[in-house]
């Protein structure tokens, strides 16, 4: 029950941030984020490093909003994205992949009425979230391999790069499928 409350609180909190239009409320959100890091014992250094990684995305979003709307609106969007990314980082550090998948399964139990199997949803969420770090590792390895072979990692060579990445991903998916079948889950 604790995981469900935490998950729903995270979803609602992250959604509400985007509806805030008052700068005073954004300061309150900042205080709440800092308190959440202290309560859940999340390292501030790790949170700042995570935010530094996503700054290019946020800056791109701010620039696009500056072009399409006002500077003030773009600034607010950038701040909101920072806060949402921070609370997402906090949630990811306090919950395991298995915990998230089990929470989603629990929330999907009412779908049994329309013949949807929550265990399959749990498995799909678990596999999906577990594949993200694998995809990141594969991209880094592929980039390093391209650089070692003298192939530039750019859009011009994207056909070669993506084909190698897709082959690698399909091998991983096949390995996961075989493992699931061997553990007795059944045919997928």
C-alpha atoms as a PDB file:
ATOM      1  CA  UNK A   1       0.000   0.000   0.000  1.00  0.00           C
ATOM      2  CA  UNK A   2       2.922   2.321   0.793  1.00  0.00           C
ATOM      3  CA  UNK A   3       4.306   1.898  -2.746  1.00  0.00           C
ATOM      4  CA  UNK A   4       0.927   2.709  -4.291  1.00  0.00           C
ATOM      5  CA  UNK A   5       0.563   5.883  -2.227  1.00  0.00           C
ATOM      6  CA  UNK A   6       4.124   6.904  -3.096  1.00  0.00           C
ATOM      7  CA  UNK A   7       3.566   6.199  -6.817  1.00  0.00           C
ATOM      8  CA  UNK A   8       0.263   8.062  -6.995  1.00  0.00           C
ATOM      9  CA  UNK A   9       1.700  10.958  -4.972  1.00  0.00           C
ATOM     10  CA  UNK A  10       4.627  11.158  -7.394  1.00  0.00           C
ATOM     11  CA  UNK A  11       2.339  11.149 -10.460  1.00  0.00           C
ATOM     12  CA  UNK A  12      -0.024  13.747  -9.004  1.00  0.00           C
ATOM     13  CA  UNK A  13       2.813  15.965  -7.730  1.00  0.00           C
ATOM     14  CA  UNK A  14       4.685  15.858 -11.058  1.00  0.00           C
ATOM     15  CA  UNK A  15       1.464  16.677 -12.928  1.00  0.00           C
ATOM     16  CA  UNK A  16       0.508  19.550 -10.639  1.00  0.00           C
ATOM     17  CA  UNK A  17       3.898  21.226 -11.158  1.00  0.00           C
ATOM     18  CA  UNK A  18       3.011  21.921 -14.797  1.00  0.00           C
ATOM     19  CA  UNK A  19      -0.200  23.724 -13.819  1.00  0.00           C
ATOM     20  CA  UNK A  20       1.529  26.177 -11.484  1.00  0.00           C
ATOM     21  CA  UNK A  21       1.695  29.724 -12.830  1.00  0.00           C
ATOM     22  CA  UNK A  22       2.725  31.583  -9.676  1.00  0.00           C
ATOM     23  CA  UNK A  23       6.414  32.116  -8.846  1.00  0.00           C
ATOM     24  CA  UNK A  24       5.714  31.888  -5.099  1.00  0.00           C
ATOM     25  CA  UNK A  25       4.308  28.397  -5.596  1.00  0.00           C
ATOM     26  CA  UNK A  26       7.434  27.437  -7.556  1.00  0.00           C
ATOM     27  CA  UNK A  27       9.536  28.441  -4.533  1.00  0.00           C
ATOM     28  CA  UNK A  28       7.316  26.200  -2.388  1.00  0.00           C
ATOM     29  CA  UNK A  29       7.878  23.356  -4.882  1.00  0.00           C
ATOM     30  CA  UNK A  30      11.642  23.926  -4.572  1.00  0.00           C
ATOM     31  CA  UNK A  31      11.391  23.614  -0.785  1.00  0.00           C
ATOM     32  CA  UNK A  32       9.264  20.466  -1.125  1.00  0.00           C
ATOM     33  CA  UNK A  33      11.837  18.919  -3.499  1.00  0.00           C
ATOM     34  CA  UNK A  34      14.669  19.689  -1.078  1.00  0.00           C
ATOM     35  CA  UNK A  35      12.670  18.266   1.827  1.00  0.00           C
ATOM     36  CA  UNK A  36      11.910  15.139  -0.213  1.00  0.00           C
ATOM     37  CA  UNK A  37      15.643  14.665  -0.861  1.00  0.00           C
ATOM     38  CA  UNK A  38      16.330  14.989   2.859  1.00  0.00           C
ATOM     39  CA  UNK A  39      13.473  12.715   3.929  1.00  0.00           C
ATOM     40  CA  UNK A  40      14.336   9.969   1.435  1.00  0.00           C
ATOM     41  CA  UNK A  41      18.088  10.457   2.026  1.00  0.00           C
ATOM     42  CA  UNK A  42      18.877  11.140  -1.638  1.00  0.00           C
ATOM     43  CA  UNK A  43      22.349  12.544  -2.196  1.00  0.00           C
ATOM     44  CA  UNK A  44      22.201  16.154  -3.345  1.00  0.00           C
ATOM     45  CA  UNK A  45      25.394  15.693  -5.360  1.00  0.00           C
ATOM     46  CA  UNK A  46      23.787  12.845  -7.335  1.00  0.00           C
ATOM     47  CA  UNK A  47      20.662  14.925  -7.946  1.00  0.00           C
ATOM     48  CA  UNK A  48      22.736  17.844  -9.221  1.00  0.00           C
ATOM     49  CA  UNK A  49      24.742  15.554 -11.511  1.00  0.00           C
ATOM     50  CA  UNK A  50      21.493  14.172 -12.890  1.00  0.00           C
ATOM     51  CA  UNK A  51      20.183  17.684 -13.524  1.00  0.00           C
ATOM     52  CA  UNK A  52      23.404  18.617 -15.325  1.00  0.00           C
ATOM     53  CA  UNK A  53      22.875  15.702 -17.707  1.00  0.00           C
ATOM     54  CA  UNK A  54      19.422  16.928 -18.711  1.00  0.00           C
ATOM     55  CA  UNK A  55      20.254  20.641 -18.929  1.00  0.00           C
ATOM     56  CA  UNK A  56      20.698  20.500 -22.753  1.00  0.00           C
ATOM     57  CA  UNK A  57      17.152  19.132 -23.136  1.00  0.00           C
ATOM     58  CA  UNK A  58      15.767  21.776 -20.796  1.00  0.00           C
ATOM     59  CA  UNK A  59      17.652  24.584 -22.537  1.00  0.00           C
ATOM     60  CA  UNK A  60      16.374  23.377 -25.908  1.00  0.00           C
ATOM     61  CA  UNK A  61      12.832  23.423 -24.526  1.00  0.00           C
ATOM     62  CA  UNK A  62      13.343  26.926 -23.129  1.00  0.00           C
ATOM     63  CA  UNK A  63      14.690  28.217 -26.460  1.00  0.00           C
ATOM     64  CA  UNK A  64      11.770  26.728 -28.390  1.00  0.00           C
ATOM     65  CA  UNK A  65       9.321  28.285 -25.923  1.00  0.00           C
ATOM     66  CA  UNK A  66      11.122  31.645 -26.218  1.00  0.00           C
ATOM     67  CA  UNK A  67      10.537  31.498 -29.969  1.00  0.00           C
ATOM     68  CA  UNK A  68       6.915  30.382 -29.703  1.00  0.00           C
ATOM     69  CA  UNK A  69       5.902  32.353 -26.627  1.00  0.00           C
ATOM     70  CA  UNK A  70       7.291  34.866 -24.161  1.00  0.00           C
ATOM     71  CA  UNK A  71      10.587  34.713 -22.288  1.00  0.00           C
ATOM     72  CA  UNK A  72       8.775  34.576 -18.974  1.00  0.00           C
ATOM     73  CA  UNK A  73       6.715  31.563 -20.041  1.00  0.00           C
ATOM     74  CA  UNK A  74       9.856  29.824 -21.355  1.00  0.00           C
ATOM     75  CA  UNK A  75      11.654  30.465 -18.064  1.00  0.00           C
ATOM     76  CA  UNK A  76       8.751  29.000 -16.076  1.00  0.00           C
ATOM     77  CA  UNK A  77       8.682  25.914 -18.316  1.00  0.00           C
ATOM     78  CA  UNK A  78      12.428  25.414 -17.768  1.00  0.00           C
ATOM     79  CA  UNK A  79      12.077  25.699 -13.984  1.00  0.00           C
ATOM     80  CA  UNK A  80       9.108  23.316 -13.978  1.00  0.00           C
ATOM     81  CA  UNK A  81      11.050  20.764 -16.019  1.00  0.00           C
ATOM     82  CA  UNK A  82      13.951  20.996 -13.560  1.00  0.00           C
ATOM     83  CA  UNK A  83      11.599  20.342 -10.645  1.00  0.00           C
ATOM     84  CA  UNK A  84       9.845  17.427 -12.371  1.00  0.00           C
ATOM     85  CA  UNK A  85      13.161  15.853 -13.365  1.00  0.00           C
ATOM     86  CA  UNK A  86      14.416  16.279  -9.801  1.00  0.00           C
ATOM     87  CA  UNK A  87      11.383  14.634  -8.226  1.00  0.00           C
ATOM     88  CA  UNK A  88      11.614  11.853 -10.822  1.00  0.00           C
ATOM     89  CA  UNK A  89      15.231  11.286  -9.817  1.00  0.00           C
ATOM     90  CA  UNK A  90      14.199  11.161  -6.162  1.00  0.00           C
ATOM     91  CA  UNK A  91      11.462   8.643  -6.945  1.00  0.00           C
ATOM     92  CA  UNK A  92      13.818   6.491  -9.015  1.00  0.00           C
ATOM     93  CA  UNK A  93      16.348   6.399  -6.170  1.00  0.00           C
ATOM     94  CA  UNK A  94      13.750   5.366  -3.604  1.00  0.00           C
ATOM     95  CA  UNK A  95      11.966   2.678  -5.630  1.00  0.00           C
ATOM     96  CA  UNK A  96      13.200  -0.413  -7.430  1.00  0.00           C
ATOM     97  CA  UNK A  97      12.146  -1.511 -10.905  1.00  0.00           C
ATOM     98  CA  UNK A  98      10.413  -4.495  -9.354  1.00  0.00           C
ATOM     99  CA  UNK A  99       8.608  -2.178  -6.909  1.00  0.00           C
ATOM    100  CA  UNK A 100       7.335   0.047  -9.710  1.00  0.00           C
ATOM    101  CA  UNK A 101       6.186  -2.987 -11.715  1.00  0.00           C
ATOM    102  CA  UNK A 102       4.387  -4.459  -8.692  1.00  0.00           C
ATOM    103  CA  UNK A 103       2.698  -1.110  -8.027  1.00  0.00           C
ATOM    104  CA  UNK A 104       1.492  -0.896 -11.628  1.00  0.00           C
ATOM    105  CA  UNK A 105       0.217  -4.490 -11.360  1.00  0.00           C
ATOM    106  CA  UNK A 106      -1.698  -3.629  -8.204  1.00  0.00           C
ATOM    107  CA  UNK A 107      -3.228  -0.558  -9.821  1.00  0.00           C
ATOM    108  CA  UNK A 108      -4.221  -2.619 -12.884  1.00  0.00           C
ATOM    109  CA  UNK A 109      -6.067  -5.333 -10.910  1.00  0.00           C
ATOM    110  CA  UNK A 110      -9.492  -3.803 -11.705  1.00  0.00           C
ATOM    111  CA  UNK A 111      -8.730  -4.495 -15.383  1.00  0.00           C
ATOM    112  CA  UNK A 112      -9.332  -8.200 -14.699  1.00  0.00           C
ATOM    113  CA  UNK A 113     -12.996  -7.358 -15.276  1.00  0.00           C
ATOM    114  CA  UNK A 114     -12.261  -6.838 -18.973  1.00  0.00           C
ATOM    115  CA  UNK A 115      -9.934  -9.883 -19.111  1.00  0.00           C
ATOM    116  CA  UNK A 116      -6.604  -8.010 -18.878  1.00  0.00           C
ATOM    117  CA  UNK A 117      -3.943  -9.930 -16.962  1.00  0.00           C
ATOM    118  CA  UNK A 118      -2.166  -7.609 -14.453  1.00  0.00           C
ATOM    119  CA  UNK A 119       0.723 -10.087 -14.124  1.00  0.00           C
ATOM    120  CA  UNK A 120       1.519  -9.630 -17.810  1.00  0.00           C
ATOM    121  CA  UNK A 121       1.431  -5.857 -17.391  1.00  0.00           C
ATOM    122  CA  UNK A 122       3.793  -6.199 -14.428  1.00  0.00           C
ATOM    123  CA  UNK A 123       6.172  -8.291 -16.524  1.00  0.00           C
ATOM    124  CA  UNK A 124       6.073  -5.822 -19.431  1.00  0.00           C
ATOM    125  CA  UNK A 125       6.776  -2.856 -17.127  1.00  0.00           C
ATOM    126  CA  UNK A 126       9.614  -4.719 -15.433  1.00  0.00           C
ATOM    127  CA  UNK A 127      11.214  -5.697 -18.753  1.00  0.00           C
ATOM    128  CA  UNK A 128      10.746  -2.199 -20.197  1.00  0.00           C
ATOM    129  CA  UNK A 129      12.344  -0.443 -17.244  1.00  0.00           C
ATOM    130  CA  UNK A 130      15.151  -2.995 -17.076  1.00  0.00           C
ATOM    131  CA  UNK A 131      15.946  -2.507 -20.758  1.00  0.00           C
ATOM    132  CA  UNK A 132      16.677   1.226 -20.399  1.00  0.00           C
ATOM    133  CA  UNK A 133      20.128   0.800 -18.794  1.00  0.00           C
ATOM    134  CA  UNK A 134      20.907  -1.979 -21.284  1.00  0.00           C
ATOM    135  CA  UNK A 135      20.040   0.313 -24.195  1.00  0.00           C
ATOM    136  CA  UNK A 136      22.237   3.033 -22.734  1.00  0.00           C
ATOM    137  CA  UNK A 137      25.153   0.595 -22.416  1.00  0.00           C
ATOM    138  CA  UNK A 138      24.617  -0.630 -25.981  1.00  0.00           C
ATOM    139  CA  UNK A 139      24.626   2.932 -27.343  1.00  0.00           C
ATOM    140  CA  UNK A 140      27.843   3.777 -25.496  1.00  0.00           C
ATOM    141  CA  UNK A 141      29.509   0.554 -26.679  1.00  0.00           C
ATOM    142  CA  UNK A 142      28.366   1.196 -30.253  1.00  0.00           C
ATOM    143  CA  UNK A 143      29.653   4.766 -30.137  1.00  0.00           C
ATOM    144  CA  UNK A 144      33.025   3.558 -28.848  1.00  0.00           C
ATOM    145  CA  UNK A 145      33.177   0.842 -31.524  1.00  0.00           C
ATOM    146  CA  UNK A 146      32.414   3.393 -34.260  1.00  0.00           C
ATOM    147  CA  UNK A 147      35.105   5.721 -32.995  1.00  0.00           C
ATOM    148  CA  UNK A 148      37.602   2.838 -32.823  1.00  0.00           C
ATOM    149  CA  UNK A 149      36.849   1.946 -36.457  1.00  0.00           C
ATOM    150  CA  UNK A 150      37.116   5.560 -37.564  1.00  0.00           C
ATOM    151  CA  UNK A 151      33.393   5.936 -38.260  1.00  0.00           C
ATOM    152  CA  UNK A 152      32.004   9.280 -37.147  1.00  0.00           C
ATOM    153  CA  UNK A 153      29.010   9.080 -34.831  1.00  0.00           C
ATOM    154  CA  UNK A 154      26.722  11.470 -36.751  1.00  0.00           C
ATOM    155  CA  UNK A 155      23.482  11.552 -38.746  1.00  0.00           C
ATOM    156  CA  UNK A 156      25.299  10.766 -42.002  1.00  0.00           C
ATOM    157  CA  UNK A 157      26.256   7.306 -40.706  1.00  0.00           C
ATOM    158  CA  UNK A 158      23.005   6.755 -38.825  1.00  0.00           C
ATOM    159  CA  UNK A 159      21.885   3.888 -41.086  1.00  0.00           C
ATOM    160  CA  UNK A 160      24.939   1.818 -40.150  1.00  0.00           C
ATOM    161  CA  UNK A 161      24.753   2.767 -36.494  1.00  0.00           C
ATOM    162  CA  UNK A 162      21.030   2.077 -36.117  1.00  0.00           C
ATOM    163  CA  UNK A 163      21.249  -1.257 -37.934  1.00  0.00           C
ATOM    164  CA  UNK A 164      23.989  -2.417 -35.535  1.00  0.00           C
ATOM    165  CA  UNK A 165      21.983  -1.140 -32.574  1.00  0.00           C
ATOM    166  CA  UNK A 166      18.822  -2.930 -33.733  1.00  0.00           C
ATOM    167  CA  UNK A 167      20.709  -6.227 -34.200  1.00  0.00           C
ATOM    168  CA  UNK A 168      22.119  -5.882 -30.694  1.00  0.00           C
ATOM    169  CA  UNK A 169      18.704  -5.063 -29.221  1.00  0.00           C
ATOM    170  CA  UNK A 170      17.051  -8.013 -30.990  1.00  0.00           C
ATOM    171  CA  UNK A 171      19.698 -10.365 -29.582  1.00  0.00           C
ATOM    172  CA  UNK A 172      18.990  -9.032 -26.081  1.00  0.00           C
ATOM    173  CA  UNK A 173      15.229  -9.348 -26.543  1.00  0.00           C
ATOM    174  CA  UNK A 174      15.683 -12.922 -27.760  1.00  0.00           C
ATOM    175  CA  UNK A 175      17.802 -13.744 -24.683  1.00  0.00           C
ATOM    176  CA  UNK A 176      15.130 -12.265 -22.402  1.00  0.00           C
ATOM    177  CA  UNK A 177      12.386 -14.215 -24.182  1.00  0.00           C
ATOM    178  CA  UNK A 178      14.298 -17.491 -23.793  1.00  0.00           C
ATOM    179  CA  UNK A 179      14.899 -16.779 -20.098  1.00  0.00           C
ATOM    180  CA  UNK A 180      11.223 -16.046 -19.497  1.00  0.00           C
ATOM    181  CA  UNK A 181      10.144 -19.234 -21.275  1.00  0.00           C
ATOM    182  CA  UNK A 182      12.728 -21.303 -19.369  1.00  0.00           C
ATOM    183  CA  UNK A 183      11.410 -19.958 -16.084  1.00  0.00           C
ATOM    184  CA  UNK A 184       8.012 -21.325 -16.993  1.00  0.00           C
ATOM    185  CA  UNK A 185       6.167 -18.168 -17.818  1.00  0.00           C
ATOM    186  CA  UNK A 186       5.004 -19.561 -21.131  1.00  0.00           C
ATOM    187  CA  UNK A 187       5.178 -18.630 -24.777  1.00  0.00           C
ATOM    188  CA  UNK A 188       5.334 -14.940 -25.591  1.00  0.00           C
END
